[in-house]
PDB file of N, CA and C in Angstrom:
ATOM      1  N   MET A   1     112.466  82.395  43.438  1.00  0.00           N
ATOM      2  CA  MET A   1     110.778  82.014  43.430  1.00  0.00           C
ATOM      3  C   MET A   1     110.481  82.946  44.550  1.00  0.00           C
ATOM      4  N   ARG A   2     109.364  83.630  44.735  1.00  0.00           N
ATOM      5  CA  ARG A   2     109.019  84.815  45.622  1.00  0.00           C
ATOM      6  C   ARG A   2     107.871  83.843  47.008  1.00  0.00           C
ATOM      7  N   LYS A   3     108.419  84.363  47.999  1.00  0.00           N
ATOM      8  CA  LYS A   3     107.826  83.278  48.653  1.00  0.00           C
ATOM      9  C   LYS A   3     106.046  84.384  48.851  1.00  0.00           C
ATOM     10  N   LYS A   4     104.827  82.639  49.667  1.00  0.00           N
ATOM     11  CA  LYS A   4     103.839  83.813  49.601  1.00  0.00           C
ATOM     12  C   LYS A   4     103.419  84.040  50.805  1.00  0.00           C
ATOM     13  N   HIS A   5     103.228  84.810  51.877  1.00  0.00           N
ATOM     14  CA  HIS A   5     103.025  84.834  53.334  1.00  0.00           C
ATOM     15  C   HIS A   5     101.675  84.651  53.033  1.00  0.00           C
ATOM     16  N   LYS A   6     101.345  84.141  54.232  1.00  0.00           N
ATOM     17  CA  LYS A   6     100.796  83.892  55.308  1.00  0.00           C
ATOM     18  C   LYS A   6      99.700  85.050  55.663  1.00  0.00           C
ATOM     19  N   ILE A   7      98.443  85.352  55.400  1.00  0.00           N
ATOM     20  CA  ILE A   7      98.077  86.616  56.642  1.00  0.00           C
ATOM     21  C   ILE A   7      98.255  85.858  58.151  1.00  0.00           C
ATOM     22  N   ASP A   8      98.757  87.242  58.858  1.00  0.00           N
ATOM     23  CA  ASP A   8      99.548  87.379  60.241  1.00  0.00           C
ATOM     24  C   ASP A   8      97.856  88.057  60.915  1.00  0.00           C
ATOM     25  N   MET A   9      96.852  86.994  61.558  1.00  0.00           N
ATOM     26  CA  MET A   9      95.819  87.459  61.631  1.00  0.00           C
ATOM     27  C   MET A   9      95.965  88.895  62.468  1.00  0.00           C
ATOM     28  N   LEU A  10      96.724  88.090  63.457  1.00  0.00           N
ATOM     29  CA  LEU A  10      97.033  89.366  65.004  1.00  0.00           C
ATOM     30  C   LEU A  10      97.376  90.637  64.411  1.00  0.00           C
ATOM     31  N   ALA A  11      98.014  90.326  63.476  1.00  0.00           N
ATOM     32  CA  ALA A  11      98.840  92.178  62.819  1.00  0.00           C
ATOM     33  C   ALA A  11      97.758  92.564  62.428  1.00  0.00           C
ATOM     34  N   PHE A  12      96.813  91.733  61.332  1.00  0.00           N
ATOM     35  CA  PHE A  12      96.236  92.269  60.412  1.00  0.00           C
ATOM     36  C   PHE A  12      94.610  93.136  61.332  1.00  0.00           C
ATOM     37  N   GLU A  13      94.943  92.595  62.475  1.00  0.00           N
ATOM     38  CA  GLU A  13      93.193  93.144  63.237  1.00  0.00           C
ATOM     39  C   GLU A  13      93.672  94.406  64.094  1.00  0.00           C
ATOM     40  N   ARG A  14      95.441  94.497  64.199  1.00  0.00           N
ATOM     41  CA  ARG A  14      96.177  95.695  64.769  1.00  0.00           C
ATOM     42  C   ARG A  14      95.232  96.498  63.567  1.00  0.00           C
ATOM     43  N   VAL A  15      96.236  96.333  62.446  1.00  0.00           N
ATOM     44  CA  VAL A  15      95.498  96.886  61.251  1.00  0.00           C
ATOM     45  C   VAL A  15      93.893  98.081  61.113  1.00  0.00           C
ATOM     46  N   ILE A  16      93.397  97.049  61.248  1.00  0.00           N
ATOM     47  CA  ILE A  16      92.055  96.899  60.852  1.00  0.00           C
ATOM     48  C   ILE A  16      91.600  98.140  62.628  1.00  0.00           C
ATOM     49  N   GLY A  17      92.548  98.132  63.240  1.00  0.00           N
ATOM     50  CA  GLY A  17      92.586  98.995  64.588  1.00  0.00           C
ATOM     51  C   GLY A  17      92.483 100.322  64.448  1.00  0.00           C
ATOM     52  N   VAL A  18      93.661 100.310  63.878  1.00  0.00           N
ATOM     53  CA  VAL A  18      94.723 101.664  63.409  1.00  0.00           C
ATOM     54  C   VAL A  18      94.047 102.140  62.077  1.00  0.00           C
ATOM     55  N   PHE A  19      93.283 101.849  61.306  1.00  0.00           N
ATOM     56  CA  PHE A  19      92.688 102.116  60.344  1.00  0.00           C
ATOM     57  C   PHE A  19      91.297 102.983  60.967  1.00  0.00           C
ATOM     58  N   ALA A  20      90.242 102.346  62.040  1.00  0.00           N
ATOM     59  CA  ALA A  20      89.092 102.673  63.002  1.00  0.00           C
ATOM     60  C   ALA A  20      90.017 103.878  64.273  1.00  0.00           C
ATOM     61  N   SER A  21      90.697 104.038  64.378  1.00  0.00           N
ATOM     62  CA  SER A  21      91.246 105.041  65.265  1.00  0.00           C
ATOM     63  C   SER A  21      90.977 106.353  64.630  1.00  0.00           C
ATOM     64  N   ILE A  22      91.981 106.737  62.993  1.00  0.00           N
ATOM     65  CA  ILE A  22      92.387 107.597  62.472  1.00  0.00           C
ATOM     66  C   ILE A  22      91.510 108.261  62.041  1.00  0.00           C
ATOM     67  N   THR A  23      90.715 109.908  62.490  1.00  0.00           N
ATOM     68  CA  THR A  23      89.642 110.204  62.447  1.00  0.00           C
ATOM     69  C   THR A  23      89.349 111.578  61.909  1.00  0.00           C
ATOM     70  N   THR A  24      90.299 111.576  60.903  1.00  0.00           N
ATOM     71  CA  THR A  24      90.674 112.852  59.896  1.00  0.00           C
ATOM     72  C   THR A  24      90.694 112.292  58.170  1.00  0.00           C
ATOM     73  N   GLN A  25      89.993 112.428  57.000  1.00  0.00           N
ATOM     74  CA  GLN A  25      90.822 112.457  56.202  1.00  0.00           C
ATOM     75  C   GLN A  25      92.118 112.578  56.349  1.00  0.00           C
ATOM     76  N   GLU A  26      92.534 114.009  56.242  1.00  0.00           N
ATOM     77  CA  GLU A  26      93.940 114.431  55.862  1.00  0.00           C
ATOM     78  C   GLU A  26      95.269 113.037  57.155  1.00  0.00           C
ATOM     79  N   ASP A  27      94.830 112.487  58.049  1.00  0.00           N
ATOM     80  CA  ASP A  27      95.770 111.887  58.432  1.00  0.00           C
ATOM     81  C   ASP A  27      95.600 110.775  58.036  1.00  0.00           C
ATOM     82  N   MET A  28      94.231 110.005  56.968  1.00  0.00           N
ATOM     83  CA  MET A  28      94.246 109.073  56.513  1.00  0.00           C
ATOM     84  C   MET A  28      95.256 109.354  55.074  1.00  0.00           C
ATOM     85  N   ARG A  29      94.912 110.059  54.761  1.00  0.00           N
ATOM     86  CA  ARG A  29      95.975 110.341  53.324  1.00  0.00           C
ATOM     87  C   ARG A  29      97.153 110.661  53.639  1.00  0.00           C
ATOM     88  N   LYS A  30      97.850 110.792  54.915  1.00  0.00           N
ATOM     89  CA  LYS A  30      99.436 110.862  54.996  1.00  0.00           C
ATOM     90  C   LYS A  30      99.343 109.217  55.665  1.00  0.00           C
ATOM     91  N   PHE A  31      98.727 108.731  56.027  1.00  0.00           N
ATOM     92  CA  PHE A  31      99.016 107.545  56.301  1.00  0.00           C
ATOM     93  C   PHE A  31      99.313 105.847  54.838  1.00  0.00           C
ATOM     94  N   MET A  32      98.081 106.776  54.700  1.00  0.00           N
ATOM     95  CA  MET A  32      97.716 105.802  53.535  1.00  0.00           C
ATOM     96  C   MET A  32      98.996 105.806  52.482  1.00  0.00           C
ATOM     97  N   ASN A  33      99.597 106.450  52.455  1.00  0.00           N
ATOM     98  CA  ASN A  33     100.860 107.680  51.441  1.00  0.00           C
ATOM     99  C   ASN A  33     101.760 106.747  52.122  1.00  0.00           C
ATOM    100  N   GLU A  34     102.350 106.635  53.850  1.00  0.00           N
ATOM    101  CA  GLU A  34     103.253 106.584  54.171  1.00  0.00           C
ATOM    102  C   GLU A  34     103.159 104.448  54.151  1.00  0.00           C
ATOM    103  N   LEU A  35     102.342 103.896  54.392  1.00  0.00           N
ATOM    104  CA  LEU A  35     101.918 102.825  54.704  1.00  0.00           C
ATOM    105  C   LEU A  35     101.729 102.362  52.804  1.00  0.00           C
ATOM    106  N   LEU A  36     101.048 102.633  51.639  1.00  0.00           N
ATOM    107  CA  LEU A  36     101.229 102.157  50.761  1.00  0.00           C
ATOM    108  C   LEU A  36     102.191 102.188  49.852  1.00  0.00           C
ATOM    109  N   THR A  37     102.833 101.325  48.734  1.00  0.00           N
ATOM    110  CA  THR A  37     103.625 101.797  47.550  1.00  0.00           C
ATOM    111  C   THR A  37     102.496 102.560  46.632  1.00  0.00           C
ATOM    112  N   ALA A  38     103.242 102.896  45.518  1.00  0.00           N
ATOM    113  CA  ALA A  38     102.437 103.940  43.992  1.00  0.00           C
ATOM    114  C   ALA A  38     101.990 102.081  43.728  1.00  0.00           C
ATOM    115  N   GLY A  39     102.145 101.229  43.536  1.00  0.00           N
ATOM    116  CA  GLY A  39     101.534 100.573  43.172  1.00  0.00           C
ATOM    117  C   GLY A  39     100.326  99.882  43.454  1.00  0.00           C
ATOM    118  N   GLU A  40     100.401  99.536  45.296  1.00  0.00           N
ATOM    119  CA  GLU A  40      99.284  99.348  46.266  1.00  0.00           C
ATOM    120  C   GLU A  40      98.057  99.978  46.331  1.00  0.00           C
ATOM    121  N   MET A  41      98.481 101.502  46.089  1.00  0.00           N
ATOM    122  CA  MET A  41      97.548 102.653  45.686  1.00  0.00           C
ATOM    123  C   MET A  41      96.969 102.372  44.516  1.00  0.00           C
ATOM    124  N   ARG A  42      97.155 102.795  43.602  1.00  0.00           N
ATOM    125  CA  ARG A  42      97.023 102.238  41.982  1.00  0.00           C
ATOM    126  C   ARG A  42      95.739 100.509  42.174  1.00  0.00           C
ATOM    127  N   ASP A  43      96.724  99.786  42.582  1.00  0.00           N
ATOM    128  CA  ASP A  43      95.419  99.049  42.714  1.00  0.00           C
ATOM    129  C   ASP A  43      94.134  99.454  43.565  1.00  0.00           C
ATOM    130  N   LEU A  44      94.401  99.742  44.678  1.00  0.00           N
ATOM    131  CA  LEU A  44      93.285 100.098  45.472  1.00  0.00           C
ATOM    132  C   LEU A  44      91.933 101.023  45.012  1.00  0.00           C
ATOM    133  N   THR A  45      92.762 102.068  44.301  1.00  0.00           N
ATOM    134  CA  THR A  45      91.563 102.675  43.755  1.00  0.00           C
ATOM    135  C   THR A  45      91.492 102.458  42.464  1.00  0.00           C
ATOM    136  N   LEU A  46      91.634 101.388  41.748  1.00  0.00           N
ATOM    137  CA  LEU A  46      91.351 101.439  40.667  1.00  0.00           C
ATOM    138  C   LEU A  46      90.057  99.990  41.497  1.00  0.00           C
ATOM    139  N   ARG A  47      90.252  99.590  42.153  1.00  0.00           N
ATOM    140  CA  ARG A  47      89.316  97.921  42.230  1.00  0.00           C
ATOM    141  C   ARG A  47      87.751  99.390  42.886  1.00  0.00           C
ATOM    142  N   TRP A  48      88.413 100.418  43.973  1.00  0.00           N
ATOM    143  CA  TRP A  48      86.708 101.554  44.130  1.00  0.00           C
ATOM    144  C   TRP A  48      86.386 101.791  42.460  1.00  0.00           C
ATOM    145  N   LEU A  49      87.108 102.546  41.878  1.00  0.00           N
ATOM    146  CA  LEU A  49      86.677 102.538  40.484  1.00  0.00           C
ATOM    147  C   LEU A  49      86.017 101.793  40.005  1.00  0.00           C
ATOM    148  N   LEU A  50      86.184 100.400  40.017  1.00  0.00           N
ATOM    149  CA  LEU A  50      85.127  99.331  39.415  1.00  0.00           C
ATOM    150  C   LEU A  50      84.360  98.983  40.329  1.00  0.00           C
ATOM    151  N   LEU A  51      83.833  99.068  41.595  1.00  0.00           N
ATOM    152  CA  LEU A  51      83.029  99.478  42.257  1.00  0.00           C
ATOM    153  C   LEU A  51      82.003 100.169  41.849  1.00  0.00           C
ATOM    154  N   GLU A  52      82.724 101.565  42.267  1.00  0.00           N
ATOM    155  CA  GLU A  52      81.679 102.510  41.816  1.00  0.00           C
ATOM    156  C   GLU A  52      80.669 102.832  40.716  1.00  0.00           C
ATOM    157  N   ARG A  53      81.269 102.136  39.678  1.00  0.00           N
ATOM    158  CA  ARG A  53      80.943 102.427  38.389  1.00  0.00           C
ATOM    159  C   ARG A  53      79.789 100.834  38.027  1.00  0.00           C
ATOM    160  N   LEU A  54      80.252  99.615  39.252  1.00  0.00           N
ATOM    161  CA  LEU A  54      78.972  99.113  39.035  1.00  0.00           C
ATOM    162  C   LEU A  54      77.442  99.124  39.798  1.00  0.00           C
ATOM    163  N   VAL A  55      78.353  99.915  40.596  1.00  0.00           N
ATOM    164  CA  VAL A  55      77.215 100.864  41.405  1.00  0.00           C
ATOM    165  C   VAL A  55      75.856 101.666  40.811  1.00  0.00           C
ATOM    166  N   LYS A  56      76.749 102.225  39.965  1.00  0.00           N
ATOM    167  CA  LYS A  56      76.414 103.194  38.822  1.00  0.00           C
ATOM    168  C   LYS A  56      75.344 102.369  38.119  1.00  0.00           C
ATOM    169  N   GLY A  57      75.634 101.044  37.522  1.00  0.00           N
ATOM    170  CA  GLY A  57      74.599 100.112  36.748  1.00  0.00           C
ATOM    171  C   GLY A  57      75.753 100.232  35.541  1.00  0.00           C
ATOM    172  N   GLU A  58      77.069 100.575  35.632  1.00  0.00           N
ATOM    173  CA  GLU A  58      77.966 100.424  34.190  1.00  0.00           C
ATOM    174  C   GLU A  58      77.858  98.504  34.142  1.00  0.00           C
ATOM    175  N   THR A  59      77.551  98.403  32.522  1.00  0.00           N
ATOM    176  CA  THR A  59      77.926  97.252  32.649  1.00  0.00           C
ATOM    177  C   THR A  59      79.459  96.416  32.763  1.00  0.00           C
ATOM    178  N   GLN A  60      79.595  95.099  32.679  1.00  0.00           N
ATOM    179  CA  GLN A  60      80.967  94.698  33.353  1.00  0.00           C
ATOM    180  C   GLN A  60      82.243  95.022  31.906  1.00  0.00           C
ATOM    181  N   ARG A  61      80.970  94.834  31.163  1.00  0.00           N
ATOM    182  CA  ARG A  61      81.925  95.081  29.374  1.00  0.00           C
ATOM    183  C   ARG A  61      82.369  96.183  29.666  1.00  0.00           C
ATOM    184  N   LYS A  62      81.801  97.395  29.983  1.00  0.00           N
ATOM    185  CA  LYS A  62      82.039  98.829  29.909  1.00  0.00           C
ATOM    186  C   LYS A  62      82.830  99.088  30.725  1.00  0.00           C
ATOM    187  N   ILE A  63      83.179  98.764  31.727  1.00  0.00           N
ATOM    188  CA  ILE A  63      83.543  99.107  33.072  1.00  0.00           C
ATOM    189  C   ILE A  63      85.431  98.362  32.253  1.00  0.00           C
ATOM    190  N   ALA A  64      85.083  96.893  32.131  1.00  0.00           N
ATOM    191  CA  ALA A  64      86.674  95.960  31.526  1.00  0.00           C
ATOM    192  C   ALA A  64      87.042  96.780  30.731  1.00  0.00           C
ATOM    193  N   GLU A  65      86.581  96.836  29.633  1.00  0.00           N
ATOM    194  CA  GLU A  65      87.026  97.957  28.533  1.00  0.00           C
ATOM    195  C   GLU A  65      87.732  99.414  28.664  1.00  0.00           C
ATOM    196  N   ASP A  66      87.122 100.877  29.484  1.00  0.00           N
ATOM    197  CA  ASP A  66      87.204 101.866  29.975  1.00  0.00           C
ATOM    198  C   ASP A  66      88.250 101.501  31.062  1.00  0.00           C
ATOM    199  N   LEU A  67      88.929 100.861  31.999  1.00  0.00           N
ATOM    200  CA  LEU A  67      90.271 100.628  32.873  1.00  0.00           C
ATOM    201  C   LEU A  67      90.961  99.870  32.797  1.00  0.00           C
ATOM    202  N   GLN A  68      91.022  99.002  31.633  1.00  0.00           N
ATOM    203  CA  GLN A  68      91.480  97.589  30.888  1.00  0.00           C
ATOM    204  C   GLN A  68      92.092  96.530  31.879  1.00  0.00           C
ATOM    205  N   ILE A  69      90.623  96.806  32.313  1.00  0.00           N
ATOM    206  CA  ILE A  69      90.794  95.280  33.208  1.00  0.00           C
ATOM    207  C   ILE A  69      90.380  94.008  33.374  1.00  0.00           C
ATOM    208  N   SER A  70      90.800  92.997  33.902  1.00  0.00           N
ATOM    209  CA  SER A  70      89.981  91.784  33.100  1.00  0.00           C
ATOM    210  C   SER A  70      88.532  91.538  33.971  1.00  0.00           C
ATOM    211  N   LEU A  71      87.391  90.303  33.199  1.00  0.00           N
ATOM    212  CA  LEU A  71      86.149  90.558  33.756  1.00  0.00           C
ATOM    213  C   LEU A  71      86.174  89.410  34.999  1.00  0.00           C
ATOM    214  N   CYS A  72      86.984  89.059  35.464  1.00  0.00           N
ATOM    215  CA  CYS A  72      87.473  88.297  36.208  1.00  0.00           C
ATOM    216  C   CYS A  72      87.505  88.962  37.437  1.00  0.00           C
ATOM    217  N   LYS A  73      88.312  90.695  37.540  1.00  0.00           N
ATOM    218  CA  LYS A  73      88.506  91.594  38.818  1.00  0.00           C
ATOM    219  C   LYS A  73      86.755  92.050  39.385  1.00  0.00           C
ATOM    220  N   ILE A  74      86.221  92.373  37.482  1.00  0.00           N
ATOM    221  CA  ILE A  74      85.292  92.877  37.700  1.00  0.00           C
ATOM    222  C   ILE A  74      84.150  92.496  38.357  1.00  0.00           C
ATOM    223  N   THR A  75      84.186  90.975  38.217  1.00  0.00           N
ATOM    224  CA  THR A  75      82.917  89.936  38.522  1.00  0.00           C
ATOM    225  C   THR A  75      83.314  89.418  40.516  1.00  0.00           C
ATOM    226  N   ARG A  76      84.498  89.678  40.396  1.00  0.00           N
ATOM    227  CA  ARG A  76      84.658  89.325  41.642  1.00  0.00           C
ATOM    228  C   ARG A  76      84.082  91.260  42.170  1.00  0.00           C
ATOM    229  N   GLY A  77      84.313  92.073  41.779  1.00  0.00           N
ATOM    230  CA  GLY A  77      83.452  93.729  42.676  1.00  0.00           C
ATOM    231  C   GLY A  77      82.326  92.660  42.818  1.00  0.00           C
ATOM    232  N   SER A  78      81.628  92.852  41.327  1.00  0.00           N
ATOM    233  CA  SER A  78      80.206  92.582  41.588  1.00  0.00           C
ATOM    234  C   SER A  78      79.631  91.682  42.361  1.00  0.00           C
ATOM    235  N   LYS A  79      80.003  90.506  42.579  1.00  0.00           N
ATOM    236  CA  LYS A  79      80.358  89.622  43.965  1.00  0.00           C
ATOM    237  C   LYS A  79      80.008  90.247  45.522  1.00  0.00           C
ATOM    238  N   ILE A  80      80.791  91.023  45.722  1.00  0.00           N
ATOM    239  CA  ILE A  80      80.708  91.987  46.965  1.00  0.00           C
ATOM    240  C   ILE A  80      80.089  92.265  46.868  1.00  0.00           C
ATOM    241  N   LEU A  81      79.256  93.189  46.182  1.00  0.00           N
ATOM    242  CA  LEU A  81      78.341  93.991  45.969  1.00  0.00           C
ATOM    243  C   LEU A  81      76.537  93.363  46.042  1.00  0.00           C
ATOM    244  N   LYS A  82      76.686  91.989  45.847  1.00  0.00           N
ATOM    245  CA  LYS A  82      75.535  91.328  45.814  1.00  0.00           C
ATOM    246  C   LYS A  82      75.300  90.348  47.617  1.00  0.00           C
ATOM    247  N   GLN A  83      76.317  90.676  47.646  1.00  0.00           N
ATOM    248  CA  GLN A  83      76.310  90.094  48.995  1.00  0.00           C
ATOM    249  C   GLN A  83      75.331  90.405  50.168  1.00  0.00           C
ATOM    250  N   LYS A  84      74.336  89.995  50.539  1.00  0.00           N
ATOM    251  CA  LYS A  84      73.271  90.510  51.821  1.00  0.00           C
ATOM    252  C   LYS A  84      74.499  91.486  52.668  1.00  0.00           C
ATOM    253  N   ASP A  85      75.296  91.567  54.039  1.00  0.00           N
ATOM    254  CA  ASP A  85      75.893  91.996  54.605  1.00  0.00           C
ATOM    255  C   ASP A  85      76.987  92.775  53.837  1.00  0.00           C
ATOM    256  N   SER A  86      76.824  92.847  52.605  1.00  0.00           N
ATOM    257  CA  SER A  86      78.217  94.164  52.079  1.00  0.00           C
ATOM    258  C   SER A  86      78.790  95.803  52.991  1.00  0.00           C
ATOM    259  N   VAL A  87      79.058  95.564  53.109  1.00  0.00           N
ATOM    260  CA  VAL A  87      79.854  96.577  53.972  1.00  0.00           C
ATOM    261  C   VAL A  87      80.100  97.924  52.903  1.00  0.00           C
ATOM    262  N   THR A  88      81.033  96.980  51.531  1.00  0.00           N
ATOM    263  CA  THR A  88      81.119  98.058  51.187  1.00  0.00           C
ATOM    264  C   THR A  88      79.745  98.468  50.091  1.00  0.00           C
ATOM    265  N   ALA A  89      79.225  97.980  49.475  1.00  0.00           N
ATOM    266  CA  ALA A  89      78.064  98.307  49.219  1.00  0.00           C
ATOM    267  C   ALA A  89      77.256  99.345  49.555  1.00  0.00           C
ATOM    268  N   ARG A  90      76.655  98.874  51.201  1.00  0.00           N
ATOM    269  CA  ARG A  90      76.463 100.397  52.105  1.00  0.00           C
ATOM    270  C   ARG A  90      77.051 101.437  52.151  1.00  0.00           C
ATOM    271  N   VAL A  91      78.614 101.252  52.105  1.00  0.00           N
ATOM    272  CA  VAL A  91      78.845 102.326  51.767  1.00  0.00           C
ATOM    273  C   VAL A  91      78.965 103.103  50.625  1.00  0.00           C
ATOM    274  N   LEU A  92      78.920 102.364  49.300  1.00  0.00           N
ATOM    275  CA  LEU A  92      78.760 103.191  47.837  1.00  0.00           C
ATOM    276  C   LEU A  92      77.778 103.729  47.719  1.00  0.00           C
ATOM    277  N   LYS A  93      76.300 102.561  48.087  1.00  0.00           N
ATOM    278  CA  LYS A  93      74.873 103.169  48.209  1.00  0.00           C
ATOM    279  C   LYS A  93      74.809 104.343  48.810  1.00  0.00           C
ATOM    280  N   SER A  94      75.613 104.352  50.261  1.00  0.00           N
ATOM    281  CA  SER A  94      74.865 105.711  50.599  1.00  0.00           C
ATOM    282  C   SER A  94      75.651 107.551  50.313  1.00  0.00           C
ATOM    283  N   GLU A  95      76.332 107.135  49.543  1.00  0.00           N
ATOM    284  CA  GLU A  95      77.128 107.854  48.277  1.00  0.00           C
ATOM    285  C   GLU A  95      76.568 108.580  47.476  1.00  0.00           C
ATOM    286  N   ARG A  96      75.872 107.724  46.917  1.00  0.00           N
ATOM    287  CA  ARG A  96      75.081 107.737  45.885  1.00  0.00           C
ATOM    288  C   ARG A  96      75.589 108.527  44.645  1.00  0.00           C
ATOM    289  N   LEU A  97      76.593 108.716  44.708  1.00  0.00           N
ATOM    290  CA  LEU A  97      78.043 108.661  43.021  1.00  0.00           C
ATOM    291  C   LEU A  97      77.702 109.095  41.867  1.00  0.00           C
TER     292      LEU A  97
END
Protein backbone atom coordinates (compact mmCIF):
# COMPACT_ATOMS: atom_id res chain seq x y z
CA MET A 1 0.00 0.00 0.00
CA ARG A 2 1.25 3.49 -0.88
CA LYS A 3 1.83 5.91 1.94
CA LYS A 4 -0.01 9.21 1.65
CA HIS A 5 2.47 11.97 2.41
CA LYS A 6 1.51 15.15 4.22
CA ILE A 7 2.28 18.45 2.58
CA ASP A 8 5.50 19.96 3.86
CA MET A 9 4.37 23.59 4.05
CA LEU A 10 7.91 24.99 4.26
CA ALA A 11 8.86 23.14 1.07
CA PHE A 12 5.59 24.29 -0.53
CA GLU A 13 6.46 27.92 0.28
CA ARG A 14 9.90 27.46 -1.29
CA VAL A 15 8.29 26.06 -4.45
CA ILE A 16 5.92 29.05 -4.58
CA GLY A 17 8.93 31.34 -4.32
CA VAL A 18 10.60 29.58 -7.24
CA PHE A 19 7.43 29.86 -9.35
CA ALA A 20 7.16 33.56 -8.53
CA SER A 21 10.81 34.16 -9.45
CA ILE A 22 10.60 32.69 -12.96
CA THR A 23 10.10 35.57 -15.36
CA THR A 24 9.98 34.09 -18.84
CA GLN A 25 7.54 31.68 -20.43
CA GLU A 26 10.46 29.70 -21.87
CA ASP A 27 12.03 29.22 -18.44
CA MET A 28 8.66 28.30 -16.90
CA ARG A 29 8.03 25.73 -19.67
CA LYS A 30 11.44 24.15 -19.10
CA PHE A 31 11.00 24.19 -15.31
CA MET A 32 7.57 22.55 -15.53
CA ASN A 33 8.90 19.89 -17.92
CA GLU A 34 11.76 19.16 -15.53
CA LEU A 35 9.58 19.10 -12.43
CA LEU A 36 6.39 17.32 -13.55
CA THR A 37 5.75 13.87 -14.97
CA ALA A 38 3.72 13.48 -18.15
CA GLY A 39 0.73 12.40 -16.02
CA GLU A 40 1.03 15.45 -13.76
CA MET A 41 1.19 17.75 -16.80
CA ARG A 42 -1.86 16.02 -18.28
CA ASP A 43 -3.80 16.45 -15.02
CA LEU A 44 -2.80 20.10 -14.72
CA THR A 45 -3.74 20.95 -18.30
CA LEU A 46 -7.01 19.02 -18.01
CA ARG A 47 -7.93 21.04 -14.91
CA TRP A 48 -7.06 24.26 -16.75
CA LEU A 49 -9.15 23.25 -19.78
CA LEU A 50 -12.20 22.58 -17.64
CA LEU A 51 -11.76 25.93 -15.83
CA GLU A 52 -11.47 27.77 -19.16
CA ARG A 53 -14.65 26.15 -20.40
CA LEU A 54 -16.54 26.96 -17.20
CA VAL A 55 -15.54 30.61 -17.56
CA LYS A 56 -16.85 30.56 -21.13
CA GLY A 57 -20.21 29.43 -19.75
CA GLU A 58 -20.28 25.85 -20.96
CA THR A 59 -22.42 23.44 -18.97
CA GLN A 60 -20.81 21.07 -16.53
CA ARG A 61 -22.38 18.07 -18.23
CA LYS A 62 -21.04 19.10 -21.66
CA ILE A 63 -17.54 19.61 -20.24
CA ALA A 64 -17.65 16.25 -18.44
CA GLU A 65 -18.77 14.50 -21.61
CA ASP A 66 -16.22 16.21 -23.89
CA LEU A 67 -13.24 15.83 -21.54
CA GLN A 68 -14.38 12.44 -20.23
CA ILE A 69 -14.08 13.43 -16.59
CA SER A 70 -16.40 13.20 -13.61
CA LEU A 71 -18.84 15.92 -12.67
CA CYS A 72 -17.13 16.00 -9.26
CA LYS A 73 -13.96 17.41 -10.81
CA ILE A 74 -15.96 20.03 -12.64
CA THR A 75 -17.94 20.94 -9.53
CA ARG A 76 -14.65 21.55 -7.71
CA GLY A 77 -13.57 23.88 -10.52
CA SER A 78 -16.90 25.67 -10.41
CA LYS A 79 -16.53 26.25 -6.66
CA ILE A 80 -13.06 27.71 -7.19
CA LEU A 81 -14.39 30.17 -9.76
CA LYS A 82 -17.25 31.25 -7.47
CA GLN A 83 -14.96 32.16 -4.56
CA LYS A 84 -14.95 35.89 -3.94
CA ASP A 85 -11.14 36.16 -3.84
CA SER A 86 -10.34 33.50 -6.47
CA VAL A 87 -7.05 34.25 -8.22
CA THR A 88 -7.91 31.57 -10.77
CA ALA A 89 -11.17 33.30 -11.70
CA ARG A 90 -9.43 36.66 -11.94
CA VAL A 91 -6.69 35.29 -14.20
CA LEU A 92 -9.08 33.42 -16.47
CA LYS A 93 -11.50 36.33 -16.78
CA SER A 94 -8.66 38.72 -17.61
CA GLU A 95 -7.58 36.44 -20.46
CA ARG A 96 -11.01 36.77 -22.10
CA LEU A 97 -10.80 33.37 -23.72
